[in-house]
Amino acid sequence: MNVVRRVCGLAWAALRTELSLYRALGRWATRRPDVPPGSTPIGYARLVTPMLWLWIFGSAVEVVVLDVVLRRWLPSLQLPLLVIGVWGLLWMLGLLAAYRVRPHLLDDQVLALRDGVHTARTDVPLSAVAVIRQADHELPGLLRSIHVEPAEDGDLLLVGVSSRTNLELVLTGPTELATPNGPVTVSRVGFWVDEPREVAELIRRRRSAPAR
């Protein structure tokens, strides 16, 4: 029973991810980024964009070549493999779109961290931020985008891009944060942005601004 429940849970998570990528692709095509009014977008797509475009180009070439070859030698496989190839191409376009239309968000109260694929986000209250500094961290594995690393001075939450982070928030103390993987209690938060120096200064200014 537990195995069936787990399989169903994984299937549902995969379906939600699939649908979120198609929604992101629609937003990208219509130039409607997911940025609520009053929020400042903070980009983090620059690191993965060249790699994703290479994959997309390679997939597009593969679809065309396979279609030409199978049409002559294995016509019975032409349609199913064409469908699979187009699906893979759309999936990667959706992934690129998700990184572009779902930036991090900064407002007067929170810094909302996003990682492209997940529609859920991690909100860090600005009132809990003590220090903002540039710091590089690596997540274990290439596919993981959210990771909690135990540390003697307080656990570290990493929200990475391509398994990397370059900016770190030191919190005023252990703070419970909701993440796409569930709630965690951490003392530091690391994440990736395209312009770490400018973003650090932006967060400092927003944190020190008088309440409205």
C-alpha atoms as a PDB file:
ATOM      1  CA  MET A   1       0.000   0.000   0.000  1.00  0.00           C
ATOM      2  CA  ASN A   2       2.811   2.377   0.877  1.00  0.00           C
ATOM      3  CA  VAL A   3       4.539   1.550  -2.417  1.00  0.00           C
ATOM      4  CA  VAL A   4       1.379   2.316  -4.396  1.00  0.00           C
ATOM      5  CA  ARG A   5       0.908   5.562  -2.491  1.00  0.00           C
ATOM      6  CA  ARG A   6       4.492   6.566  -3.145  1.00  0.00           C
ATOM      7  CA  VAL A   7       4.241   5.753  -6.864  1.00  0.00           C
ATOM      8  CA  CYS A   8       1.020   7.757  -7.117  1.00  0.00           C
ATOM      9  CA  GLY A   9       2.679  10.658  -5.309  1.00  0.00           C
ATOM     10  CA  LEU A  10       5.654  10.620  -7.684  1.00  0.00           C
ATOM     11  CA  ALA A  11       3.350  10.434 -10.695  1.00  0.00           C
ATOM     12  CA  TRP A  12       1.297  13.381  -9.445  1.00  0.00           C
ATOM     13  CA  ALA A  13       4.455  15.422  -8.783  1.00  0.00           C
ATOM     14  CA  ALA A  14       5.716  14.639 -12.303  1.00  0.00           C
ATOM     15  CA  LEU A  15       2.387  15.694 -13.804  1.00  0.00           C
ATOM     16  CA  ARG A  16       2.389  18.978 -11.853  1.00  0.00           C
ATOM     17  CA  THR A  17       5.943  19.676 -13.018  1.00  0.00           C
ATOM     18  CA  GLU A  18       4.951  18.944 -16.614  1.00  0.00           C
ATOM     19  CA  LEU A  19       1.957  21.265 -16.489  1.00  0.00           C
ATOM     20  CA  SER A  20       3.963  24.024 -14.781  1.00  0.00           C
ATOM     21  CA  LEU A  21       6.544  23.927 -17.599  1.00  0.00           C
ATOM     22  CA  TYR A  22       3.834  24.279 -20.245  1.00  0.00           C
ATOM     23  CA  ARG A  23       2.293  27.199 -18.355  1.00  0.00           C
ATOM     24  CA  ALA A  24       5.725  28.824 -18.185  1.00  0.00           C
ATOM     25  CA  LEU A  25       6.161  28.290 -21.937  1.00  0.00           C
ATOM     26  CA  GLY A  26       2.821  29.996 -22.542  1.00  0.00           C
ATOM     27  CA  ARG A  27       3.827  32.948 -20.354  1.00  0.00           C
ATOM     28  CA  TRP A  28       7.168  33.221 -22.142  1.00  0.00           C
ATOM     29  CA  ALA A  29       5.548  33.138 -25.570  1.00  0.00           C
ATOM     30  CA  THR A  30       3.087  35.865 -24.579  1.00  0.00           C
ATOM     31  CA  ARG A  31       5.697  37.880 -22.632  1.00  0.00           C
ATOM     32  CA  ARG A  32       3.832  37.692 -19.320  1.00  0.00           C
ATOM     33  CA  PRO A  33       6.423  36.966 -16.605  1.00  0.00           C
ATOM     34  CA  ASP A  34       5.104  35.740 -13.263  1.00  0.00           C
ATOM     35  CA  VAL A  35       5.895  38.937 -11.355  1.00  0.00           C
ATOM     36  CA  PRO A  36       3.138  40.301  -9.069  1.00  0.00           C
ATOM     37  CA  PRO A  37       2.620  44.086  -8.858  1.00  0.00           C
ATOM     38  CA  GLY A  38       4.913  45.729  -6.308  1.00  0.00           C
ATOM     39  CA  SER A  39       7.592  43.024  -6.566  1.00  0.00           C
ATOM     40  CA  THR A  40      11.060  43.505  -8.016  1.00  0.00           C
ATOM     41  CA  PRO A  41      12.198  40.595 -10.227  1.00  0.00           C
ATOM     42  CA  ILE A  42      15.685  39.186  -9.636  1.00  0.00           C
ATOM     43  CA  GLY A  43      17.029  37.077 -12.487  1.00  0.00           C
ATOM     44  CA  TYR A  44      18.918  33.819 -12.101  1.00  0.00           C
ATOM     45  CA  ALA A  45      18.683  32.256 -15.591  1.00  0.00           C
ATOM     46  CA  ARG A  46      21.954  33.454 -17.096  1.00  0.00           C
ATOM     47  CA  LEU A  47      23.995  30.484 -15.861  1.00  0.00           C
ATOM     48  CA  VAL A  48      21.821  27.782 -17.449  1.00  0.00           C
ATOM     49  CA  THR A  49      20.585  29.588 -20.569  1.00  0.00           C
ATOM     50  CA  PRO A  50      23.533  28.722 -22.907  1.00  0.00           C
ATOM     51  CA  MET A  51      23.460  25.053 -21.879  1.00  0.00           C
ATOM     52  CA  LEU A  52      19.694  24.794 -22.345  1.00  0.00           C
ATOM     53  CA  TRP A  53      19.853  26.421 -25.760  1.00  0.00           C
ATOM     54  CA  LEU A  54      22.492  23.853 -26.793  1.00  0.00           C
ATOM     55  CA  TRP A  55      20.230  21.030 -25.648  1.00  0.00           C
ATOM     56  CA  ILE A  56      17.255  22.542 -27.441  1.00  0.00           C
ATOM     57  CA  PHE A  57      19.229  22.950 -30.676  1.00  0.00           C
ATOM     58  CA  GLY A  58      20.557  19.397 -30.450  1.00  0.00           C
ATOM     59  CA  SER A  59      17.085  18.017 -29.793  1.00  0.00           C
ATOM     60  CA  ALA A  60      15.606  19.926 -32.733  1.00  0.00           C
ATOM     61  CA  VAL A  61      18.291  18.563 -35.073  1.00  0.00           C
ATOM     62  CA  GLU A  62      17.746  15.052 -33.717  1.00  0.00           C
ATOM     63  CA  VAL A  63      13.995  15.234 -34.340  1.00  0.00           C
ATOM     64  CA  VAL A  64      14.510  16.261 -37.968  1.00  0.00           C
ATOM     65  CA  VAL A  65      17.255  13.693 -38.680  1.00  0.00           C
ATOM     66  CA  LEU A  66      15.324  10.824 -37.099  1.00  0.00           C
ATOM     67  CA  ASP A  67      12.190  11.747 -39.000  1.00  0.00           C
ATOM     68  CA  VAL A  68      14.057  11.689 -42.328  1.00  0.00           C
ATOM     69  CA  VAL A  69      15.845   8.408 -41.568  1.00  0.00           C
ATOM     70  CA  LEU A  70      12.816   6.570 -40.176  1.00  0.00           C
ATOM     71  CA  ARG A  71      10.578   7.703 -43.024  1.00  0.00           C
ATOM     72  CA  ARG A  72      12.757   5.673 -45.374  1.00  0.00           C
ATOM     73  CA  TRP A  73      13.923   2.732 -43.288  1.00  0.00           C
ATOM     74  CA  LEU A  74      11.446   2.223 -40.427  1.00  0.00           C
ATOM     75  CA  PRO A  75       8.199   4.050 -41.237  1.00  0.00           C
ATOM     76  CA  SER A  76       6.309   2.198 -38.506  1.00  0.00           C
ATOM     77  CA  LEU A  77       8.434   3.955 -35.867  1.00  0.00           C
ATOM     78  CA  GLN A  78       8.331   7.384 -37.484  1.00  0.00           C
ATOM     79  CA  LEU A  79       5.202   8.743 -35.787  1.00  0.00           C
ATOM     80  CA  PRO A  80       5.794   7.476 -32.214  1.00  0.00           C
ATOM     81  CA  LEU A  81       9.412   8.629 -32.179  1.00  0.00           C
ATOM     82  CA  LEU A  82       8.416  11.968 -33.711  1.00  0.00           C
ATOM     83  CA  VAL A  83       5.881  12.466 -30.910  1.00  0.00           C
ATOM     84  CA  ILE A  84       8.505  11.596 -28.277  1.00  0.00           C
ATOM     85  CA  GLY A  85      11.045  13.916 -29.879  1.00  0.00           C
ATOM     86  CA  VAL A  86       8.650  16.855 -30.076  1.00  0.00           C
ATOM     87  CA  TRP A  87       7.583  16.229 -26.453  1.00  0.00           C
ATOM     88  CA  GLY A  88      11.226  16.320 -25.316  1.00  0.00           C
ATOM     89  CA  LEU A  89      11.836  19.511 -27.277  1.00  0.00           C
ATOM     90  CA  LEU A  90       8.787  21.216 -25.741  1.00  0.00           C
ATOM     91  CA  TRP A  91       9.841  20.030 -22.275  1.00  0.00           C
ATOM     92  CA  MET A  92      13.252  21.669 -22.583  1.00  0.00           C
ATOM     93  CA  LEU A  93      11.741  24.858 -24.005  1.00  0.00           C
ATOM     94  CA  GLY A  94       9.371  24.879 -21.031  1.00  0.00           C
ATOM     95  CA  LEU A  95      12.289  24.450 -18.641  1.00  0.00           C
ATOM     96  CA  LEU A  96      14.102  27.415 -20.175  1.00  0.00           C
ATOM     97  CA  ALA A  97      10.882  29.426 -20.057  1.00  0.00           C
ATOM     98  CA  ALA A  98      10.398  28.582 -16.368  1.00  0.00           C
ATOM     99  CA  TYR A  99      13.810  30.022 -15.512  1.00  0.00           C
ATOM    100  CA  ARG A 100      12.975  33.182 -17.451  1.00  0.00           C
ATOM    101  CA  VAL A 101       9.395  33.883 -16.343  1.00  0.00           C
ATOM    102  CA  ARG A 102       9.727  32.848 -12.662  1.00  0.00           C
ATOM    103  CA  PRO A 103      12.484  35.077 -11.263  1.00  0.00           C
ATOM    104  CA  HIS A 104      13.162  35.571  -7.570  1.00  0.00           C
ATOM    105  CA  LEU A 105      10.913  38.294  -6.153  1.00  0.00           C
ATOM    106  CA  LEU A 106      11.723  41.071  -3.702  1.00  0.00           C
ATOM    107  CA  ASP A 107       9.193  43.293  -1.966  1.00  0.00           C
ATOM    108  CA  ASP A 108       9.098  45.282   1.266  1.00  0.00           C
ATOM    109  CA  GLN A 109       8.503  42.193   3.414  1.00  0.00           C
ATOM    110  CA  VAL A 110      10.082  39.101   1.876  1.00  0.00           C
ATOM    111  CA  LEU A 111      12.581  37.770  -0.596  1.00  0.00           C
ATOM    112  CA  ALA A 112      10.836  34.967  -2.506  1.00  0.00           C
ATOM    113  CA  LEU A 113      13.296  32.418  -3.893  1.00  0.00           C
ATOM    114  CA  ARG A 114      12.298  30.293  -6.871  1.00  0.00           C
ATOM    115  CA  ASP A 115      14.139  27.649  -8.873  1.00  0.00           C
ATOM    116  CA  GLY A 116      12.337  27.536 -12.198  1.00  0.00           C
ATOM    117  CA  VAL A 117      10.826  24.064 -12.079  1.00  0.00           C
ATOM    118  CA  HIS A 118       8.866  24.337  -8.825  1.00  0.00           C
ATOM    119  CA  THR A 119       5.822  26.578  -8.747  1.00  0.00           C
ATOM    120  CA  ALA A 120       6.180  26.791  -4.950  1.00  0.00           C
ATOM    121  CA  ARG A 121       8.691  29.239  -3.548  1.00  0.00           C
ATOM    122  CA  THR A 122      10.752  29.864  -0.420  1.00  0.00           C
ATOM    123  CA  ASP A 123       9.891  33.151   1.311  1.00  0.00           C
ATOM    124  CA  VAL A 124      12.640  34.664   3.466  1.00  0.00           C
ATOM    125  CA  PRO A 125      11.353  37.518   5.689  1.00  0.00           C
ATOM    126  CA  LEU A 126      13.582  40.563   5.355  1.00  0.00           C
ATOM    127  CA  SER A 127      13.134  41.156   9.088  1.00  0.00           C
ATOM    128  CA  ALA A 128      15.008  37.876   9.711  1.00  0.00           C
ATOM    129  CA  VAL A 129      18.017  38.840   7.577  1.00  0.00           C
ATOM    130  CA  ALA A 130      21.084  39.962   9.533  1.00  0.00           C
ATOM    131  CA  VAL A 131      23.850  39.855   6.905  1.00  0.00           C
ATOM    132  CA  ILE A 132      23.957  39.679   3.098  1.00  0.00           C
ATOM    133  CA  ARG A 133      27.207  38.466   1.581  1.00  0.00           C
ATOM    134  CA  GLN A 134      28.630  36.860  -1.529  1.00  0.00           C
ATOM    135  CA  ALA A 135      29.486  33.219  -0.902  1.00  0.00           C
ATOM    136  CA  ASP A 136      29.798  30.271  -3.283  1.00  0.00           C
ATOM    137  CA  HIS A 137      28.267  26.910  -2.423  1.00  0.00           C
ATOM    138  CA  GLU A 138      27.637  23.721  -4.386  1.00  0.00           C
ATOM    139  CA  LEU A 139      24.674  21.388  -4.047  1.00  0.00           C
ATOM    140  CA  PRO A 140      25.267  17.620  -4.153  1.00  0.00           C
ATOM    141  CA  GLY A 141      24.233  16.196  -7.519  1.00  0.00           C
ATOM    142  CA  LEU A 142      23.434  17.919 -10.797  1.00  0.00           C
ATOM    143  CA  LEU A 143      19.644  17.618 -10.642  1.00  0.00           C
ATOM    144  CA  ARG A 144      19.013  18.849  -7.120  1.00  0.00           C
ATOM    145  CA  SER A 145      17.936  22.489  -6.816  1.00  0.00           C
ATOM    146  CA  ILE A 146      17.031  22.585  -3.096  1.00  0.00           C
ATOM    147  CA  HIS A 147      19.234  21.162  -0.357  1.00  0.00           C
ATOM    148  CA  VAL A 148      19.736  21.601   3.386  1.00  0.00           C
ATOM    149  CA  GLU A 149      23.328  21.256   4.548  1.00  0.00           C
ATOM    150  CA  PRO A 150      23.895  20.669   8.285  1.00  0.00           C
ATOM    151  CA  ALA A 151      26.475  22.939   9.910  1.00  0.00           C
ATOM    152  CA  GLU A 152      27.692  23.593  13.443  1.00  0.00           C
ATOM    153  CA  ASP A 153      26.799  27.285  13.225  1.00  0.00           C
ATOM    154  CA  GLY A 154      23.278  26.550  11.907  1.00  0.00           C
ATOM    155  CA  ASP A 155      21.883  24.592   8.986  1.00  0.00           C
ATOM    156  CA  LEU A 156      22.246  26.105   5.511  1.00  0.00           C
ATOM    157  CA  LEU A 157      19.431  26.068   2.955  1.00  0.00           C
ATOM    158  CA  LEU A 158      20.641  26.126  -0.647  1.00  0.00           C
ATOM    159  CA  VAL A 159      18.362  27.106  -3.526  1.00  0.00           C
ATOM    160  CA  GLY A 160      20.663  26.523  -6.462  1.00  0.00           C
ATOM    161  CA  VAL A 161      20.881  26.885 -10.207  1.00  0.00           C
ATOM    162  CA  SER A 162      22.940  24.221 -11.937  1.00  0.00           C
ATOM    163  CA  SER A 163      23.897  23.040  -8.413  1.00  0.00           C
ATOM    164  CA  ARG A 164      25.494  26.376  -7.502  1.00  0.00           C
ATOM    165  CA  THR A 165      24.768  29.410  -5.320  1.00  0.00           C
ATOM    166  CA  ASN A 166      26.643  32.704  -5.105  1.00  0.00           C
ATOM    167  CA  LEU A 167      24.808  34.840  -2.528  1.00  0.00           C
ATOM    168  CA  GLU A 168      24.130  34.080   1.128  1.00  0.00           C
ATOM    169  CA  LEU A 169      21.777  35.472   3.749  1.00  0.00           C
ATOM    170  CA  VAL A 170      22.782  35.077   7.383  1.00  0.00           C
ATOM    171  CA  LEU A 171      19.620  35.077   9.469  1.00  0.00           C
ATOM    172  CA  THR A 172      19.165  36.539  12.940  1.00  0.00           C
ATOM    173  CA  GLY A 173      18.707  33.021  14.298  1.00  0.00           C
ATOM    174  CA  PRO A 174      17.227  29.629  13.449  1.00  0.00           C
ATOM    175  CA  THR A 175      14.194  30.391  11.276  1.00  0.00           C
ATOM    176  CA  GLU A 176      11.553  28.060   9.907  1.00  0.00           C
ATOM    177  CA  LEU A 177      11.052  28.491   6.167  1.00  0.00           C
ATOM    178  CA  ALA A 178       8.572  26.777   3.875  1.00  0.00           C
ATOM    179  CA  THR A 179      10.223  25.208   0.819  1.00  0.00           C
ATOM    180  CA  PRO A 180       8.875  23.139  -2.102  1.00  0.00           C
ATOM    181  CA  ASN A 181      10.261  20.112  -0.238  1.00  0.00           C
ATOM    182  CA  GLY A 182       8.562  20.981   3.051  1.00  0.00           C
ATOM    183  CA  PRO A 183       9.369  23.234   6.047  1.00  0.00           C
ATOM    184  CA  VAL A 184      12.965  23.507   7.274  1.00  0.00           C
ATOM    185  CA  THR A 185      14.649  25.403  10.110  1.00  0.00           C
ATOM    186  CA  VAL A 186      17.903  27.051   9.059  1.00  0.00           C
ATOM    187  CA  SER A 187      20.262  29.846  10.066  1.00  0.00           C
ATOM    188  CA  ARG A 188      21.577  30.687   6.588  1.00  0.00           C
ATOM    189  CA  VAL A 189      20.183  30.718   3.057  1.00  0.00           C
ATOM    190  CA  GLY A 190      22.257  30.484  -0.114  1.00  0.00           C
ATOM    191  CA  PHE A 191      20.871  31.132  -3.600  1.00  0.00           C
ATOM    192  CA  TRP A 192      21.991  32.004  -7.129  1.00  0.00           C
ATOM    193  CA  VAL A 193      21.451  35.337  -8.896  1.00  0.00           C
ATOM    194  CA  ASP A 194      22.825  36.775 -12.123  1.00  0.00           C
ATOM    195  CA  GLU A 195      24.228  39.929 -10.477  1.00  0.00           C
ATOM    196  CA  PRO A 196      25.183  39.104  -6.848  1.00  0.00           C
ATOM    197  CA  ARG A 197      26.730  42.478  -5.976  1.00  0.00           C
ATOM    198  CA  GLU A 198      23.794  44.510  -7.288  1.00  0.00           C
ATOM    199  CA  VAL A 199      21.244  42.172  -5.708  1.00  0.00           C
ATOM    200  CA  ALA A 200      22.985  42.297  -2.327  1.00  0.00           C
ATOM    201  CA  GLU A 201      22.821  46.099  -2.385  1.00  0.00           C
ATOM    202  CA  LEU A 202      19.188  46.015  -3.487  1.00  0.00           C
ATOM    203  CA  ILE A 203      18.246  43.743  -0.573  1.00  0.00           C
ATOM    204  CA  ARG A 204      20.145  45.976   1.877  1.00  0.00           C
ATOM    205  CA  ARG A 205      18.286  49.050   0.658  1.00  0.00           C
ATOM    206  CA  ARG A 206      14.916  47.330   0.751  1.00  0.00           C
ATOM    207  CA  ARG A 207      15.609  45.888   4.207  1.00  0.00           C
ATOM    208  CA  SER A 208      16.555  49.266   5.652  1.00  0.00           C
ATOM    209  CA  ALA A 209      13.702  51.163   3.988  1.00  0.00           C
ATOM    210  CA  PRO A 210      11.045  52.489   6.393  1.00  0.00           C
ATOM    211  CA  ALA A 211       7.877  50.440   6.596  1.00  0.00           C
ATOM    212  CA  ARG A 212       5.038  51.729   4.430  1.00  0.00           C
END
